[in-house]
Amino acid sequence: MRSFNVRTLVLAVCAGIAVAASGSSADAQSKRPQPHYVVLHEHTFIPFSRQIESWDVVDGNTVLIRTIYNRWYRATTDRVCASELRSATRIALIDRGGGGSIDTGARIRVDGVSCSLSSIDEIENPYRHVAQR
């Protein structure tokens, strides 16, 4: 039985469009400066998956997520999904209860590989500090 729901499929399509628009390829990631993290709230959740506007892969187990309200979250997977995440053009965030919120225990699905989220922290814009250096 598949655990995809309409929200998950829409999110995967929207995330794929956002990545295509942002040019998030392996070459672009290698040239991009590393983000700077200032944690606002540890071990939090994203209230509604439909609020997710874009995402950015930082490394093999870290994905930055930005909502439509310009809130940033750092999601960390429970295992390294490096090869799948680095080449991802689409991801699916799958909530664990069907309520639409993304929290610890939700999953990221990339190219048939599913990784559970071990933590989600709300952070400041991770690229704001990089630009000021």
C-alpha atoms as a PDB file:
ATOM      1  CA  MET A   1       0.000   0.000   0.000  1.00  0.00           C
ATOM      2  CA  ARG A   2       1.427   3.370  -0.981  1.00  0.00           C
ATOM      3  CA  SER A   3       1.504   6.153   1.564  1.00  0.00           C
ATOM      4  CA  PHE A   4       1.163   8.976  -0.947  1.00  0.00           C
ATOM      5  CA  ASN A   5      -1.762  11.315  -0.631  1.00  0.00           C
ATOM      6  CA  VAL A   6      -2.827  14.225  -2.797  1.00  0.00           C
ATOM      7  CA  ARG A   7      -0.892  16.721  -0.637  1.00  0.00           C
ATOM      8  CA  THR A   8       2.281  14.683  -1.024  1.00  0.00           C
ATOM      9  CA  LEU A   9       1.958  14.497  -4.788  1.00  0.00           C
ATOM     10  CA  VAL A  10       1.228  18.213  -5.092  1.00  0.00           C
ATOM     11  CA  LEU A  11       4.205  18.995  -2.850  1.00  0.00           C
ATOM     12  CA  ALA A  12       6.461  16.793  -4.975  1.00  0.00           C
ATOM     13  CA  VAL A  13       5.366  18.559  -8.143  1.00  0.00           C
ATOM     14  CA  CYS A  14       5.728  22.024  -6.590  1.00  0.00           C
ATOM     15  CA  ALA A  15       9.125  21.168  -5.148  1.00  0.00           C
ATOM     16  CA  GLY A  16      10.268  19.882  -8.533  1.00  0.00           C
ATOM     17  CA  ILE A  17       9.200  23.144 -10.146  1.00  0.00           C
ATOM     18  CA  ALA A  18      10.952  25.168  -7.438  1.00  0.00           C
ATOM     19  CA  VAL A  19      14.194  23.258  -7.922  1.00  0.00           C
ATOM     20  CA  ALA A  20      14.051  23.616 -11.685  1.00  0.00           C
ATOM     21  CA  ALA A  21      13.505  27.350 -11.292  1.00  0.00           C
ATOM     22  CA  SER A  22      16.290  27.758  -8.755  1.00  0.00           C
ATOM     23  CA  GLY A  23      18.790  25.743 -10.778  1.00  0.00           C
ATOM     24  CA  SER A  24      19.613  23.381  -7.923  1.00  0.00           C
ATOM     25  CA  SER A  25      22.000  21.034  -9.709  1.00  0.00           C
ATOM     26  CA  ALA A  26      25.064  19.306  -8.323  1.00  0.00           C
ATOM     27  CA  ASP A  27      27.309  21.942  -9.941  1.00  0.00           C
ATOM     28  CA  ALA A  28      25.324  24.824  -8.485  1.00  0.00           C
ATOM     29  CA  GLN A  29      25.406  23.237  -5.028  1.00  0.00           C
ATOM     30  CA  SER A  30      29.166  22.776  -5.082  1.00  0.00           C
ATOM     31  CA  LYS A  31      29.704  26.479  -5.887  1.00  0.00           C
ATOM     32  CA  ARG A  32      27.158  27.774  -3.384  1.00  0.00           C
ATOM     33  CA  PRO A  33      28.456  28.960   0.011  1.00  0.00           C
ATOM     34  CA  GLN A  34      27.522  26.857   3.000  1.00  0.00           C
ATOM     35  CA  PRO A  35      24.544  28.169   4.979  1.00  0.00           C
ATOM     36  CA  HIS A  36      24.927  29.608   8.468  1.00  0.00           C
ATOM     37  CA  TYR A  37      22.457  28.271  11.067  1.00  0.00           C
ATOM     38  CA  VAL A  38      20.886  30.265  13.868  1.00  0.00           C
ATOM     39  CA  VAL A  39      18.326  28.009  15.541  1.00  0.00           C
ATOM     40  CA  LEU A  40      15.142  29.740  16.705  1.00  0.00           C
ATOM     41  CA  HIS A  41      13.226  26.655  17.905  1.00  0.00           C
ATOM     42  CA  GLU A  42      14.679  23.179  18.275  1.00  0.00           C
ATOM     43  CA  HIS A  43      12.640  20.019  17.627  1.00  0.00           C
ATOM     44  CA  THR A  44       9.686  21.804  16.099  1.00  0.00           C
ATOM     45  CA  PHE A  45       7.344  21.004  13.203  1.00  0.00           C
ATOM     46  CA  ILE A  46       5.986  22.590  10.040  1.00  0.00           C
ATOM     47  CA  PRO A  47       2.256  23.060  10.743  1.00  0.00           C
ATOM     48  CA  PHE A  48       0.968  22.518   7.200  1.00  0.00           C
ATOM     49  CA  SER A  49       2.862  20.863   4.372  1.00  0.00           C
ATOM     50  CA  ARG A  50       0.916  22.970   1.865  1.00  0.00           C
ATOM     51  CA  GLN A  51       2.796  26.045   3.191  1.00  0.00           C
ATOM     52  CA  ILE A  52       6.129  24.739   1.854  1.00  0.00           C
ATOM     53  CA  GLU A  53       7.343  26.908  -0.983  1.00  0.00           C
ATOM     54  CA  SER A  54      10.866  25.649  -1.706  1.00  0.00           C
ATOM     55  CA  TRP A  55      13.636  23.392  -0.492  1.00  0.00           C
ATOM     56  CA  ASP A  56      17.387  23.136  -0.800  1.00  0.00           C
ATOM     57  CA  VAL A  57      19.654  20.132  -0.232  1.00  0.00           C
ATOM     58  CA  VAL A  58      22.675  21.050   1.911  1.00  0.00           C
ATOM     59  CA  ASP A  59      24.308  17.641   2.250  1.00  0.00           C
ATOM     60  CA  GLY A  60      23.488  13.940   2.403  1.00  0.00           C
ATOM     61  CA  ASN A  61      21.143  14.222   5.355  1.00  0.00           C
ATOM     62  CA  THR A  62      20.132  17.903   5.605  1.00  0.00           C
ATOM     63  CA  VAL A  63      17.391  19.691   3.685  1.00  0.00           C
ATOM     64  CA  LEU A  64      16.461  23.344   4.185  1.00  0.00           C
ATOM     65  CA  ILE A  65      12.768  24.093   3.771  1.00  0.00           C
ATOM     66  CA  ARG A  66      11.206  27.545   3.271  1.00  0.00           C
ATOM     67  CA  THR A  67       7.499  28.220   3.751  1.00  0.00           C
ATOM     68  CA  ILE A  68       5.287  30.766   2.028  1.00  0.00           C
ATOM     69  CA  TYR A  69       5.593  32.910   5.171  1.00  0.00           C
ATOM     70  CA  ASN A  70       9.391  33.024   4.740  1.00  0.00           C
ATOM     71  CA  ARG A  71      10.021  30.753   7.716  1.00  0.00           C
ATOM     72  CA  TRP A  72      13.007  28.453   7.364  1.00  0.00           C
ATOM     73  CA  TYR A  73      13.424  24.935   8.709  1.00  0.00           C
ATOM     74  CA  ARG A  74      16.391  22.575   8.790  1.00  0.00           C
ATOM     75  CA  ALA A  75      15.249  18.969   8.381  1.00  0.00           C
ATOM     76  CA  THR A  76      17.746  16.215   9.161  1.00  0.00           C
ATOM     77  CA  THR A  77      17.232  12.610   8.069  1.00  0.00           C
ATOM     78  CA  ASP A  78      17.858   9.598  10.270  1.00  0.00           C
ATOM     79  CA  ARG A  79      20.287   8.102   7.763  1.00  0.00           C
ATOM     80  CA  VAL A  80      22.410   9.468   4.993  1.00  0.00           C
ATOM     81  CA  CYS A  81      20.471   9.743   1.743  1.00  0.00           C
ATOM     82  CA  ALA A  82      23.435  11.424   0.076  1.00  0.00           C
ATOM     83  CA  SER A  83      23.360   9.955  -3.398  1.00  0.00           C
ATOM     84  CA  GLU A  84      19.599  10.360  -3.700  1.00  0.00           C
ATOM     85  CA  LEU A  85      19.386  13.872  -2.243  1.00  0.00           C
ATOM     86  CA  ARG A  86      22.340  15.376  -4.115  1.00  0.00           C
ATOM     87  CA  SER A  87      20.815  14.554  -7.483  1.00  0.00           C
ATOM     88  CA  ALA A  88      17.182  15.164  -6.528  1.00  0.00           C
ATOM     89  CA  THR A  89      15.008  17.258  -8.776  1.00  0.00           C
ATOM     90  CA  ARG A  90      11.894  16.323  -6.818  1.00  0.00           C
ATOM     91  CA  ILE A  91      11.238  15.216  -3.278  1.00  0.00           C
ATOM     92  CA  ALA A  92       8.105  14.216  -1.439  1.00  0.00           C
ATOM     93  CA  LEU A  93       7.543  15.056   2.208  1.00  0.00           C
ATOM     94  CA  ILE A  94       5.191  12.494   3.698  1.00  0.00           C
ATOM     95  CA  ASP A  95       3.516  13.267   7.010  1.00  0.00           C
ATOM     96  CA  ARG A  96       3.085  10.345   9.332  1.00  0.00           C
ATOM     97  CA  GLY A  97      -0.490  10.848  10.445  1.00  0.00           C
ATOM     98  CA  GLY A  98      -2.301  12.354   7.499  1.00  0.00           C
ATOM     99  CA  GLY A  99      -2.850  15.650   9.333  1.00  0.00           C
ATOM    100  CA  GLY A 100      -0.620  17.623   7.004  1.00  0.00           C
ATOM    101  CA  SER A 101       2.065  18.668   9.491  1.00  0.00           C
ATOM    102  CA  ILE A 102       5.687  17.693   8.976  1.00  0.00           C
ATOM    103  CA  ASP A 103       7.452  16.676  12.173  1.00  0.00           C
ATOM    104  CA  THR A 104       9.979  14.174  13.482  1.00  0.00           C
ATOM    105  CA  GLY A 105       8.942  10.829  12.087  1.00  0.00           C
ATOM    106  CA  ALA A 106       7.716  12.249   8.792  1.00  0.00           C
ATOM    107  CA  ARG A 107       9.627  11.016   5.760  1.00  0.00           C
ATOM    108  CA  ILE A 108      11.436  12.402   2.760  1.00  0.00           C
ATOM    109  CA  ARG A 109      11.050  10.242  -0.317  1.00  0.00           C
ATOM    110  CA  VAL A 110      13.564  10.612  -3.152  1.00  0.00           C
ATOM    111  CA  ASP A 111      13.729   8.315  -6.169  1.00  0.00           C
ATOM    112  CA  GLY A 112      12.070   5.435  -4.338  1.00  0.00           C
ATOM    113  CA  VAL A 113      14.231   5.801  -1.225  1.00  0.00           C
ATOM    114  CA  SER A 114      12.493   6.872   1.962  1.00  0.00           C
ATOM    115  CA  CYS A 115      14.312   8.471   4.909  1.00  0.00           C
ATOM    116  CA  SER A 116      12.662   9.393   8.199  1.00  0.00           C
ATOM    117  CA  LEU A 117      13.262  12.840   9.636  1.00  0.00           C
ATOM    118  CA  SER A 118      15.189  12.710  12.896  1.00  0.00           C
ATOM    119  CA  SER A 119      14.855  16.431  13.638  1.00  0.00           C
ATOM    120  CA  ILE A 120      13.330  19.653  12.385  1.00  0.00           C
ATOM    121  CA  ASP A 121      14.559  22.990  13.687  1.00  0.00           C
ATOM    122  CA  GLU A 122      13.132  26.395  12.843  1.00  0.00           C
ATOM    123  CA  ILE A 123      16.050  28.595  11.812  1.00  0.00           C
ATOM    124  CA  GLU A 124      16.734  32.121  10.622  1.00  0.00           C
ATOM    125  CA  ASN A 125      17.296  32.606   6.892  1.00  0.00           C
ATOM    126  CA  PRO A 126      20.490  30.536   6.543  1.00  0.00           C
ATOM    127  CA  TYR A 127      21.744  32.522   3.557  1.00  0.00           C
ATOM    128  CA  ARG A 128      21.329  36.014   5.042  1.00  0.00           C
ATOM    129  CA  HIS A 129      24.522  35.741   7.100  1.00  0.00           C
ATOM    130  CA  VAL A 130      26.457  34.218   4.199  1.00  0.00           C
ATOM    131  CA  ALA A 131      25.700  37.238   1.987  1.00  0.00           C
ATOM    132  CA  GLN A 132      26.896  39.699   4.675  1.00  0.00           C
ATOM    133  CA  ARG A 133      30.332  38.111   5.131  1.00  0.00           C
END
